[in-house]
Amino acid sequence: MLPDFDFMSDTTEQTSTRFVTFIGPSLKRFDLAITSTNRFYGKKLITDLQSGKTAIIGPDDLEEEGYLEYTYKLTEEEAAELVQFLYFVVGTVHFTD
């Protein structure tokens, strides 16, 4: 039996997950799970499978200086490679509210 939780949200939905592994010019290997969902205004859940770190990422986040370096603990060069790849993945943000 569950304790007396005060649920703010509890939903189930179909999602799509793309698994991608690539190596950039810096020879850094990226193992990513990219999950598309109807939540988060069309942004994607990007999971680094090596570190287990996940972030909600859209095009605006890719423009944020230092965001990927901080989130995924990357060097500036590695983050630049990841940004280059993610521009093809995240697309545009869709506001549904």
N, C-alpha and C. Protein backbone atom coordinates (compact mmCIF):
# COMPACT_ATOMS: atom_id res chain seq x y z
N MET A 1 0.84 -1.19 0.00
CA MET A 1 0.00 0.00 0.00
C MET A 1 0.88 1.25 0.00
N LEU A 2 0.53 2.22 -0.85
CA LEU A 2 1.30 3.45 -0.95
C LEU A 2 1.09 4.33 0.26
N PRO A 3 2.15 5.00 0.68
CA PRO A 3 1.97 6.00 1.74
C PRO A 3 1.05 7.12 1.25
N ASP A 4 0.72 8.00 2.10
CA ASP A 4 -0.21 9.08 1.77
C ASP A 4 0.50 10.18 0.97
N PHE A 5 0.71 9.91 -0.34
CA PHE A 5 1.36 10.88 -1.22
C PHE A 5 0.32 11.85 -1.77
N ASP A 6 0.73 13.08 -1.99
CA ASP A 6 -0.13 14.08 -2.63
C ASP A 6 0.38 14.24 -4.06
N PHE A 7 -0.17 13.44 -5.00
CA PHE A 7 0.30 13.44 -6.37
C PHE A 7 -0.04 14.76 -7.07
N MET A 8 0.96 15.35 -7.72
CA MET A 8 0.76 16.55 -8.52
C MET A 8 0.42 16.16 -9.96
N SER A 9 0.94 15.02 -10.40
CA SER A 9 0.70 14.54 -11.76
C SER A 9 1.05 13.06 -11.80
N ASP A 10 0.33 12.31 -12.61
CA ASP A 10 0.61 10.89 -12.79
C ASP A 10 -0.04 10.46 -14.10
N THR A 11 0.73 10.49 -15.18
CA THR A 11 0.19 10.17 -16.49
C THR A 11 1.08 9.15 -17.20
N THR A 12 0.50 8.47 -18.15
CA THR A 12 1.23 7.53 -18.99
C THR A 12 0.98 7.92 -20.43
N GLU A 13 2.03 7.88 -21.25
CA GLU A 13 1.87 8.20 -22.67
C GLU A 13 2.83 7.37 -23.50
N GLN A 14 2.53 7.24 -24.77
CA GLN A 14 3.42 6.58 -25.71
C GLN A 14 4.54 7.57 -26.05
N THR A 15 5.77 7.10 -26.04
CA THR A 15 6.91 7.92 -26.42
C THR A 15 7.70 7.20 -27.50
N SER A 16 8.62 7.92 -28.09
CA SER A 16 9.51 7.35 -29.08
C SER A 16 10.94 7.63 -28.63
N THR A 17 11.77 6.60 -28.62
CA THR A 17 13.16 6.77 -28.19
C THR A 17 14.10 6.31 -29.30
N ARG A 18 15.04 7.18 -29.61
CA ARG A 18 16.07 6.90 -30.62
C ARG A 18 17.39 6.72 -29.88
N PHE A 19 18.09 5.63 -30.16
CA PHE A 19 19.39 5.37 -29.55
C PHE A 19 20.47 5.64 -30.60
N VAL A 20 21.41 6.51 -30.25
CA VAL A 20 22.45 6.92 -31.20
C VAL A 20 23.81 6.82 -30.52
N THR A 21 24.78 6.26 -31.24
CA THR A 21 26.17 6.24 -30.79
C THR A 21 27.01 6.83 -31.91
N PHE A 22 27.83 7.82 -31.56
CA PHE A 22 28.73 8.39 -32.56
C PHE A 22 30.00 8.89 -31.90
N ILE A 23 31.03 9.05 -32.71
CA ILE A 23 32.31 9.59 -32.25
C ILE A 23 32.61 10.83 -33.08
N GLY A 24 32.91 11.93 -32.39
CA GLY A 24 33.21 13.18 -33.06
C GLY A 24 34.69 13.32 -33.33
N PRO A 25 35.09 14.45 -33.95
CA PRO A 25 36.50 14.70 -34.26
C PRO A 25 37.43 14.66 -33.03
N SER A 26 36.89 14.96 -31.85
CA SER A 26 37.72 14.92 -30.64
C SER A 26 37.94 13.49 -30.15
N LEU A 27 37.30 12.53 -30.83
CA LEU A 27 37.34 11.10 -30.48
C LEU A 27 36.54 10.79 -29.22
N LYS A 28 35.71 11.73 -28.79
CA LYS A 28 34.79 11.49 -27.67
C LYS A 28 33.62 10.67 -28.20
N ARG A 29 33.32 9.57 -27.52
CA ARG A 29 32.19 8.73 -27.90
C ARG A 29 30.94 9.21 -27.16
N PHE A 30 29.86 9.37 -27.91
CA PHE A 30 28.57 9.75 -27.34
C PHE A 30 27.60 8.59 -27.51
N ASP A 31 27.01 8.14 -26.42
CA ASP A 31 25.95 7.13 -26.42
C ASP A 31 24.71 7.82 -25.87
N LEU A 32 23.74 8.09 -26.74
CA LEU A 32 22.59 8.90 -26.35
C LEU A 32 21.28 8.15 -26.54
N ALA A 33 20.33 8.44 -25.67
CA ALA A 33 18.94 8.04 -25.84
C ALA A 33 18.15 9.33 -25.98
N ILE A 34 17.46 9.50 -27.09
CA ILE A 34 16.72 10.73 -27.37
C ILE A 34 15.24 10.38 -27.37
N THR A 35 14.53 10.87 -26.36
CA THR A 35 13.13 10.53 -26.19
C THR A 35 12.24 11.69 -26.59
N SER A 36 11.31 11.40 -27.50
CA SER A 36 10.30 12.37 -27.91
C SER A 36 9.03 12.10 -27.15
N THR A 37 8.43 13.16 -26.63
CA THR A 37 7.23 13.05 -25.82
C THR A 37 6.32 14.23 -26.12
N ASN A 38 5.08 14.15 -25.71
CA ASN A 38 4.15 15.27 -25.88
C ASN A 38 4.31 16.32 -24.80
N ARG A 39 5.14 16.06 -23.84
CA ARG A 39 5.38 17.01 -22.76
C ARG A 39 6.55 17.92 -23.10
N PHE A 40 6.80 18.88 -22.26
CA PHE A 40 7.97 19.76 -22.35
C PHE A 40 7.97 20.62 -23.62
N TYR A 41 6.78 20.97 -24.12
CA TYR A 41 6.65 21.89 -25.25
C TYR A 41 7.44 21.44 -26.47
N GLY A 42 7.53 20.15 -26.69
CA GLY A 42 8.21 19.62 -27.87
C GLY A 42 9.71 19.45 -27.71
N LYS A 43 10.24 19.83 -26.56
CA LYS A 43 11.67 19.59 -26.32
C LYS A 43 11.88 18.09 -26.15
N LYS A 44 13.11 17.65 -26.31
CA LYS A 44 13.46 16.23 -26.20
C LYS A 44 14.16 15.95 -24.88
N LEU A 45 13.98 14.73 -24.40
CA LEU A 45 14.76 14.24 -23.26
C LEU A 45 16.01 13.60 -23.83
N ILE A 46 17.16 14.18 -23.54
CA ILE A 46 18.43 13.67 -24.06
C ILE A 46 19.18 13.03 -22.89
N THR A 47 19.38 11.73 -22.96
CA THR A 47 20.08 10.99 -21.91
C THR A 47 21.44 10.54 -22.41
N ASP A 48 22.47 10.90 -21.67
CA ASP A 48 23.82 10.39 -21.91
C ASP A 48 23.88 9.03 -21.21
N LEU A 49 23.92 7.96 -21.97
CA LEU A 49 23.86 6.63 -21.39
C LEU A 49 25.12 6.26 -20.62
N GLN A 50 26.23 6.93 -20.87
CA GLN A 50 27.46 6.64 -20.14
C GLN A 50 27.41 7.20 -18.72
N SER A 51 26.85 8.41 -18.58
CA SER A 51 26.81 9.05 -17.26
C SER A 51 25.46 8.90 -16.57
N GLY A 52 24.42 8.59 -17.35
CA GLY A 52 23.08 8.51 -16.79
C GLY A 52 22.42 9.87 -16.63
N LYS A 53 23.04 10.93 -17.09
CA LYS A 53 22.48 12.28 -16.95
C LYS A 53 21.49 12.55 -18.08
N THR A 54 20.35 13.14 -17.70
CA THR A 54 19.29 13.47 -18.65
C THR A 54 18.96 14.95 -18.54
N ALA A 55 18.70 15.56 -19.70
CA ALA A 55 18.28 16.97 -19.72
C ALA A 55 17.16 17.12 -20.74
N ILE A 56 16.29 18.09 -20.49
CA ILE A 56 15.23 18.45 -21.43
C ILE A 56 15.82 19.53 -22.32
N ILE A 57 15.96 19.23 -23.62
CA ILE A 57 16.71 20.12 -24.50
C ILE A 57 15.92 20.49 -25.74
N GLY A 58 15.93 21.79 -26.03
CA GLY A 58 15.36 22.33 -27.26
C GLY A 58 16.39 23.25 -27.89
N PRO A 59 16.04 23.85 -29.03
CA PRO A 59 16.99 24.73 -29.73
C PRO A 59 17.51 25.87 -28.86
N ASP A 60 16.65 26.42 -28.00
CA ASP A 60 17.07 27.53 -27.14
C ASP A 60 18.16 27.10 -26.16
N ASP A 61 18.10 25.86 -25.72
CA ASP A 61 19.10 25.35 -24.78
C ASP A 61 20.46 25.18 -25.47
N LEU A 62 20.44 24.87 -26.75
CA LEU A 62 21.69 24.70 -27.49
C LEU A 62 22.41 26.03 -27.66
N GLU A 63 21.66 27.13 -27.58
CA GLU A 63 22.25 28.46 -27.70
C GLU A 63 22.81 28.96 -26.36
N GLU A 64 22.43 28.31 -25.27
CA GLU A 64 22.84 28.73 -23.92
C GLU A 64 24.31 28.37 -23.69
N GLU A 65 25.14 29.38 -23.55
CA GLU A 65 26.57 29.17 -23.39
C GLU A 65 26.88 28.35 -22.12
N GLY A 66 27.63 27.28 -22.30
CA GLY A 66 28.06 26.46 -21.17
C GLY A 66 27.05 25.45 -20.67
N TYR A 67 25.86 25.43 -21.26
CA TYR A 67 24.79 24.56 -20.75
C TYR A 67 25.15 23.07 -20.88
N LEU A 68 25.58 22.66 -22.07
CA LEU A 68 25.91 21.25 -22.25
C LEU A 68 27.17 20.85 -21.49
N GLU A 69 28.12 21.77 -21.43
CA GLU A 69 29.35 21.48 -20.67
C GLU A 69 28.99 21.19 -19.21
N TYR A 70 28.16 22.03 -18.64
CA TYR A 70 27.76 21.88 -17.24
C TYR A 70 26.90 20.62 -17.04
N THR A 71 25.89 20.47 -17.88
CA THR A 71 24.93 19.38 -17.70
C THR A 71 25.57 18.00 -17.86
N TYR A 72 26.38 17.86 -18.89
CA TYR A 72 26.96 16.55 -19.19
C TYR A 72 28.44 16.43 -18.84
N LYS A 73 28.99 17.45 -18.18
CA LYS A 73 30.40 17.45 -17.77
C LYS A 73 31.33 17.22 -18.98
N LEU A 74 31.18 18.07 -19.99
CA LEU A 74 31.96 17.96 -21.21
C LEU A 74 32.96 19.10 -21.32
N THR A 75 34.00 18.87 -22.13
CA THR A 75 34.89 19.98 -22.46
C THR A 75 34.17 20.86 -23.48
N GLU A 76 34.72 22.03 -23.72
CA GLU A 76 34.13 22.96 -24.69
C GLU A 76 34.10 22.32 -26.08
N GLU A 77 35.17 21.63 -26.44
CA GLU A 77 35.24 20.98 -27.76
C GLU A 77 34.20 19.86 -27.88
N GLU A 78 34.07 19.04 -26.85
CA GLU A 78 33.09 17.95 -26.86
C GLU A 78 31.67 18.50 -26.94
N ALA A 79 31.41 19.55 -26.19
CA ALA A 79 30.08 20.17 -26.20
C ALA A 79 29.76 20.74 -27.58
N ALA A 80 30.73 21.32 -28.25
CA ALA A 80 30.52 21.87 -29.59
C ALA A 80 30.13 20.75 -30.56
N GLU A 81 30.75 19.59 -30.43
CA GLU A 81 30.40 18.44 -31.27
C GLU A 81 28.99 17.96 -30.98
N LEU A 82 28.63 17.92 -29.71
CA LEU A 82 27.29 17.47 -29.33
C LEU A 82 26.24 18.46 -29.83
N VAL A 83 26.51 19.76 -29.71
CA VAL A 83 25.58 20.78 -30.21
C VAL A 83 25.37 20.60 -31.70
N GLN A 84 26.44 20.38 -32.42
CA GLN A 84 26.36 20.19 -33.87
C GLN A 84 25.42 19.04 -34.21
N PHE A 85 25.52 17.93 -33.49
CA PHE A 85 24.64 16.79 -33.72
C PHE A 85 23.20 17.11 -33.29
N LEU A 86 23.04 17.71 -32.11
CA LEU A 86 21.70 17.92 -31.57
C LEU A 86 20.87 18.91 -32.38
N TYR A 87 21.50 19.82 -33.10
CA TYR A 87 20.74 20.74 -33.95
C TYR A 87 19.88 19.97 -34.96
N PHE A 88 20.36 18.82 -35.41
CA PHE A 88 19.60 18.00 -36.35
C PHE A 88 18.50 17.20 -35.66
N VAL A 89 18.58 17.08 -34.35
CA VAL A 89 17.68 16.21 -33.60
C VAL A 89 16.52 16.97 -32.95
N VAL A 90 16.81 18.10 -32.32
CA VAL A 90 15.80 18.74 -31.48
C VAL A 90 14.74 19.50 -32.26
N GLY A 91 15.04 19.97 -33.45
CA GLY A 91 14.04 20.66 -34.25
C GLY A 91 13.53 21.91 -33.58
N THR A 92 12.31 22.30 -33.93
CA THR A 92 11.72 23.50 -33.34
C THR A 92 10.78 23.12 -32.21
N VAL A 93 10.58 24.04 -31.30
CA VAL A 93 9.73 23.82 -30.14
C VAL A 93 8.29 24.15 -30.52
N HIS A 94 7.35 23.29 -30.08
CA HIS A 94 5.93 23.49 -30.36
C HIS A 94 5.19 23.76 -29.06
N PHE A 95 4.55 24.92 -28.97
CA PHE A 95 3.78 25.26 -27.78
C PHE A 95 2.36 24.74 -27.92
N THR A 96 1.93 23.92 -26.98
CA THR A 96 0.61 23.29 -27.07
C THR A 96 -0.39 23.86 -26.08
N ASP A 97 0.05 24.68 -25.14
CA ASP A 97 -0.88 25.21 -24.14
C ASP A 97 -1.58 26.45 -24.62
